[in-house]
C-alpha atoms as a PDB file:
ATOM      1  CA  UNK A   1     -37.541  -1.684 -11.238  1.00  0.00           C
ATOM      2  CA  UNK A   2     -35.206  -4.703 -10.169  1.00  0.00           C
ATOM      3  CA  UNK A   3     -31.976  -4.326  -8.783  1.00  0.00           C
ATOM      4  CA  UNK A   4     -29.422  -5.991 -10.868  1.00  0.00           C
ATOM      5  CA  UNK A   5     -27.583  -8.916  -8.882  1.00  0.00           C
ATOM      6  CA  UNK A   6     -23.983  -7.367  -7.575  1.00  0.00           C
ATOM      7  CA  UNK A   7     -21.280  -8.595  -9.181  1.00  0.00           C
ATOM      8  CA  UNK A   8     -19.306 -10.885  -7.069  1.00  0.00           C
ATOM      9  CA  UNK A   9     -16.099  -9.470  -5.491  1.00  0.00           C
ATOM     10  CA  UNK A  10     -12.873 -11.403  -5.620  1.00  0.00           C
ATOM     11  CA  UNK A  11     -11.365 -13.343  -2.761  1.00  0.00           C
ATOM     12  CA  UNK A  12      -7.954 -12.417  -1.421  1.00  0.00           C
ATOM     13  CA  UNK A  13      -5.608 -13.597   0.992  1.00  0.00           C
ATOM     14  CA  UNK A  14      -4.264 -12.112   3.944  1.00  0.00           C
ATOM     15  CA  UNK A  15      -1.654 -11.680   2.275  1.00  0.00           C
ATOM     16  CA  UNK A  16      -0.746 -10.689  -1.429  1.00  0.00           C
ATOM     17  CA  UNK A  17       2.110  -9.678  -4.072  1.00  0.00           C
ATOM     18  CA  UNK A  18       0.647  -6.014  -5.338  1.00  0.00           C
ATOM     19  CA  UNK A  19       1.173  -4.278  -8.147  1.00  0.00           C
ATOM     20  CA  UNK A  20       2.428  -0.561  -8.137  1.00  0.00           C
ATOM     21  CA  UNK A  21       1.500   1.355 -11.154  1.00  0.00           C
ATOM     22  CA  UNK A  22       2.886   4.447  -9.660  1.00  0.00           C
ATOM     23  CA  UNK A  23       5.993   2.946  -8.374  1.00  0.00           C
ATOM     24  CA  UNK A  24       7.495   2.126 -11.988  1.00  0.00           C
ATOM     25  CA  UNK A  25       5.025  -1.261 -11.842  1.00  0.00           C
ATOM     26  CA  UNK A  26       7.015  -2.562  -8.796  1.00  0.00           C
ATOM     27  CA  UNK A  27       5.564  -5.771  -7.168  1.00  0.00           C
ATOM     28  CA  UNK A  28       5.828  -5.686  -3.236  1.00  0.00           C
ATOM     29  CA  UNK A  29       4.300  -8.156  -0.732  1.00  0.00           C
ATOM     30  CA  UNK A  30       1.639  -6.584   1.317  1.00  0.00           C
ATOM     31  CA  UNK A  31      -0.134  -7.698   4.555  1.00  0.00           C
ATOM     32  CA  UNK A  32      -4.240  -7.798   4.109  1.00  0.00           C
ATOM     33  CA  UNK A  33      -5.123  -6.177   7.534  1.00  0.00           C
ATOM     34  CA  UNK A  34      -8.728  -5.367   7.904  1.00  0.00           C
ATOM     35  CA  UNK A  35      -8.562  -4.622  11.537  1.00  0.00           C
ATOM     36  CA  UNK A  36      -6.324  -1.392  10.259  1.00  0.00           C
ATOM     37  CA  UNK A  37      -7.950   1.600   8.726  1.00  0.00           C
ATOM     38  CA  UNK A  38      -5.567   2.884   6.683  1.00  0.00           C
ATOM     39  CA  UNK A  39      -2.751   1.495   4.413  1.00  0.00           C
ATOM     40  CA  UNK A  40       0.827   2.250   4.679  1.00  0.00           C
ATOM     41  CA  UNK A  41       4.024   1.471   2.653  1.00  0.00           C
ATOM     42  CA  UNK A  42       7.801   1.980   3.811  1.00  0.00           C
ATOM     43  CA  UNK A  43       9.233   4.880   3.227  1.00  0.00           C
ATOM     44  CA  UNK A  44      12.977   4.843   3.425  1.00  0.00           C
ATOM     45  CA  UNK A  45      14.915   8.310   3.570  1.00  0.00           C
ATOM     46  CA  UNK A  46      11.375  10.651   3.698  1.00  0.00           C
ATOM     47  CA  UNK A  47      11.709  14.068   2.928  1.00  0.00           C
ATOM     48  CA  UNK A  48       9.344  16.769   2.959  1.00  0.00           C
ATOM     49  CA  UNK A  49       9.728  19.792   0.727  1.00  0.00           C
ATOM     50  CA  UNK A  50       7.498  22.483  -1.141  1.00  0.00           C
ATOM     51  CA  UNK A  51       8.177  22.236  -4.829  1.00  0.00           C
ATOM     52  CA  UNK A  52       8.256  25.157  -7.377  1.00  0.00           C
ATOM     53  CA  UNK A  53       4.462  25.621  -7.378  1.00  0.00           C
ATOM     54  CA  UNK A  54       4.147  25.613  -3.650  1.00  0.00           C
ATOM     55  CA  UNK A  55       2.621  22.449  -3.007  1.00  0.00           C
ATOM     56  CA  UNK A  56       3.713  20.318   0.105  1.00  0.00           C
ATOM     57  CA  UNK A  57       5.722  17.226  -1.754  1.00  0.00           C
ATOM     58  CA  UNK A  58       7.679  14.194  -0.449  1.00  0.00           C
ATOM     59  CA  UNK A  59      10.390  11.987  -1.536  1.00  0.00           C
ATOM     60  CA  UNK A  60      11.194   9.064  -0.378  1.00  0.00           C
ATOM     61  CA  UNK A  61      12.511   5.343  -1.319  1.00  0.00           C
ATOM     62  CA  UNK A  62      10.529   2.213  -1.683  1.00  0.00           C
ATOM     63  CA  UNK A  63      12.450  -0.919  -0.690  1.00  0.00           C
ATOM     64  CA  UNK A  64      10.380  -3.435  -2.081  1.00  0.00           C
ATOM     65  CA  UNK A  65      11.781  -6.557  -0.459  1.00  0.00           C
ATOM     66  CA  UNK A  66      11.911  -7.281   3.105  1.00  0.00           C
ATOM     67  CA  UNK A  67      15.591  -6.861   4.703  1.00  0.00           C
ATOM     68  CA  UNK A  68      17.114  -6.055   1.085  1.00  0.00           C
ATOM     69  CA  UNK A  69      17.336  -3.014  -0.437  1.00  0.00           C
ATOM     70  CA  UNK A  70      17.463  -4.788  -3.775  1.00  0.00           C
ATOM     71  CA  UNK A  71      15.018  -3.095  -6.100  1.00  0.00           C
ATOM     72  CA  UNK A  72      15.188   0.092  -4.372  1.00  0.00           C
ATOM     73  CA  UNK A  73      13.638   3.131  -6.067  1.00  0.00           C
ATOM     74  CA  UNK A  74      13.495   6.621  -5.317  1.00  0.00           C
ATOM     75  CA  UNK A  75       9.813   8.594  -5.661  1.00  0.00           C
ATOM     76  CA  UNK A  76       8.837  12.064  -5.409  1.00  0.00           C
ATOM     77  CA  UNK A  77       4.862  12.775  -5.053  1.00  0.00           C
ATOM     78  CA  UNK A  78       2.662  15.513  -4.198  1.00  0.00           C
ATOM     79  CA  UNK A  79       1.086  15.180  -0.430  1.00  0.00           C
ATOM     80  CA  UNK A  80      -2.708  14.626  -0.167  1.00  0.00           C
ATOM     81  CA  UNK A  81      -2.772  15.224   3.233  1.00  0.00           C
ATOM     82  CA  UNK A  82      -1.291  14.455   6.443  1.00  0.00           C
ATOM     83  CA  UNK A  83      -2.918  12.559   9.642  1.00  0.00           C
ATOM     84  CA  UNK A  84      -2.270  10.985  12.956  1.00  0.00           C
ATOM     85  CA  UNK A  85      -2.657   7.421  13.058  1.00  0.00           C
ATOM     86  CA  UNK A  86      -2.576   5.000  15.701  1.00  0.00           C
ATOM     87  CA  UNK A  87      -0.501   1.835  15.628  1.00  0.00           C
ATOM     88  CA  UNK A  88      -1.747  -1.160  17.195  1.00  0.00           C
ATOM     89  CA  UNK A  89       0.303  -0.933  20.268  1.00  0.00           C
ATOM     90  CA  UNK A  90      -1.377   2.683  21.072  1.00  0.00           C
ATOM     91  CA  UNK A  91       1.533   4.720  19.760  1.00  0.00           C
ATOM     92  CA  UNK A  92       0.742   7.654  17.414  1.00  0.00           C
ATOM     93  CA  UNK A  93       2.356   9.088  14.760  1.00  0.00           C
ATOM     94  CA  UNK A  94       1.750  12.242  11.887  1.00  0.00           C
ATOM     95  CA  UNK A  95       2.252  10.853   8.409  1.00  0.00           C
ATOM     96  CA  UNK A  96       1.953  12.183   5.105  1.00  0.00           C
ATOM     97  CA  UNK A  97      -0.448  10.317   2.812  1.00  0.00           C
ATOM     98  CA  UNK A  98       0.174  10.086  -1.046  1.00  0.00           C
ATOM     99  CA  UNK A  99      -2.597   8.502  -3.566  1.00  0.00           C
ATOM    100  CA  UNK A 100      -1.237   5.471  -4.987  1.00  0.00           C
ATOM    101  CA  UNK A 101      -2.997   3.241  -7.832  1.00  0.00           C
ATOM    102  CA  UNK A 102      -2.592  -0.513  -6.462  1.00  0.00           C
ATOM    103  CA  UNK A 103      -3.329  -3.224  -8.723  1.00  0.00           C
ATOM    104  CA  UNK A 104      -4.436  -6.745  -7.373  1.00  0.00           C
ATOM    105  CA  UNK A 105      -6.535  -9.616  -8.965  1.00  0.00           C
ATOM    106  CA  UNK A 106      -7.306  -7.284 -12.483  1.00  0.00           C
ATOM    107  CA  UNK A 107      -8.214  -4.207 -11.020  1.00  0.00           C
ATOM    108  CA  UNK A 108      -6.401  -0.945 -10.532  1.00  0.00           C
ATOM    109  CA  UNK A 109      -7.818   1.585  -8.071  1.00  0.00           C
ATOM    110  CA  UNK A 110      -6.454   4.705  -5.975  1.00  0.00           C
ATOM    111  CA  UNK A 111      -5.727   4.386  -1.969  1.00  0.00           C
ATOM    112  CA  UNK A 112      -4.362   6.556   0.429  1.00  0.00           C
ATOM    113  CA  UNK A 113      -1.309   5.272   1.742  1.00  0.00           C
ATOM    114  CA  UNK A 114       0.524   6.500   4.722  1.00  0.00           C
ATOM    115  CA  UNK A 115       4.506   6.720   4.278  1.00  0.00           C
ATOM    116  CA  UNK A 116       6.559   5.080   7.490  1.00  0.00           C
ATOM    117  CA  UNK A 117       9.218   3.249   8.602  1.00  0.00           C
ATOM    118  CA  UNK A 118       7.747  -0.199   8.445  1.00  0.00           C
ATOM    119  CA  UNK A 119      11.539  -1.716   8.995  1.00  0.00           C
ATOM    120  CA  UNK A 120      10.459  -4.028  12.417  1.00  0.00           C
ATOM    121  CA  UNK A 121       7.445  -4.865  10.754  1.00  0.00           C
ATOM    122  CA  UNK A 122       7.421  -8.433   8.201  1.00  0.00           C
ATOM    123  CA  UNK A 123       5.771  -6.612   5.369  1.00  0.00           C
ATOM    124  CA  UNK A 124       6.938  -3.146   3.690  1.00  0.00           C
ATOM    125  CA  UNK A 125       2.993  -2.586   3.045  1.00  0.00           C
ATOM    126  CA  UNK A 126       0.175  -2.801   4.551  1.00  0.00           C
ATOM    127  CA  UNK A 127      -3.207  -2.522   3.142  1.00  0.00           C
ATOM    128  CA  UNK A 128      -6.086  -1.604   5.213  1.00  0.00           C
ATOM    129  CA  UNK A 129      -9.833  -2.390   5.138  1.00  0.00           C
ATOM    130  CA  UNK A 130     -10.743   1.378   3.621  1.00  0.00           C
ATOM    131  CA  UNK A 131      -8.479   0.392   0.513  1.00  0.00           C
ATOM    132  CA  UNK A 132     -10.252  -2.873  -0.011  1.00  0.00           C
ATOM    133  CA  UNK A 133     -14.017  -1.947   1.203  1.00  0.00           C
ATOM    134  CA  UNK A 134     -16.597  -2.665  -1.343  1.00  0.00           C
ATOM    135  CA  UNK A 135     -13.902  -4.340  -3.863  1.00  0.00           C
ATOM    136  CA  UNK A 136     -12.685  -7.296  -2.094  1.00  0.00           C
ATOM    137  CA  UNK A 137     -13.187 -10.481   0.015  1.00  0.00           C
ATOM    138  CA  UNK A 138     -10.525 -11.562   2.423  1.00  0.00           C
ATOM    139  CA  UNK A 139     -10.123 -15.362   3.241  1.00  0.00           C
ATOM    140  CA  UNK A 140      -7.645 -14.858   6.712  1.00  0.00           C
ATOM    141  CA  UNK A 141      -7.119 -18.815   6.295  1.00  0.00           C
ATOM    142  CA  UNK A 142      -5.319 -18.186   2.612  1.00  0.00           C
ATOM    143  CA  UNK A 143      -2.380 -16.568   0.918  1.00  0.00           C
ATOM    144  CA  UNK A 144      -1.365 -15.592  -2.427  1.00  0.00           C
ATOM    145  CA  UNK A 145      -4.438 -16.186  -4.091  1.00  0.00           C
ATOM    146  CA  UNK A 146      -3.934 -13.590  -6.797  1.00  0.00           C
ATOM    147  CA  UNK A 147      -0.793 -14.105  -9.048  1.00  0.00           C
ATOM    148  CA  UNK A 148       2.550 -14.166  -7.808  1.00  0.00           C
ATOM    149  CA  UNK A 149       5.288 -12.249  -9.845  1.00  0.00           C
ATOM    150  CA  UNK A 150       7.659 -14.656 -12.310  1.00  0.00           C
ATOM    151  CA  UNK A 151      10.879 -11.848 -11.362  1.00  0.00           C
ATOM    152  CA  UNK A 152      11.168 -11.771  -7.826  1.00  0.00           C
ATOM    153  CA  UNK A 153      14.618 -11.842  -6.755  1.00  0.00           C
ATOM    154  CA  UNK A 154      15.863 -15.440  -5.612  1.00  0.00           C
END
């Protein structure tokens, strides 16, 4: 039996605007980083607690725009797991992981997202290679190959 040809994968740039259906459909500028295994989002005011059903849960704020609190929203989500993450400078932190759907290039899929403080980083969100593996190709010389939202703050 002959194999069907694989569907061509969409090509994205090294940075893209990503839509987050689970976060009130907000848009956030993300760095696509194939050197990073996991994905991360800036979580401000992170609070851990156990909900009424005994489930480990986190409450946090997402500030989608760098250097701004504009568009900030609070979210509460169950913790999928917690894990040690090593940054590019070798520093390790223990982070909660939540499952968040991302929408990019007309596709929507769930991604394991670590919650951390990314204030010092240039992007509020980092999409690592596990999130795009077998789904997308990255052109490191291009930016914003997906659509740019019309409703961004001016």
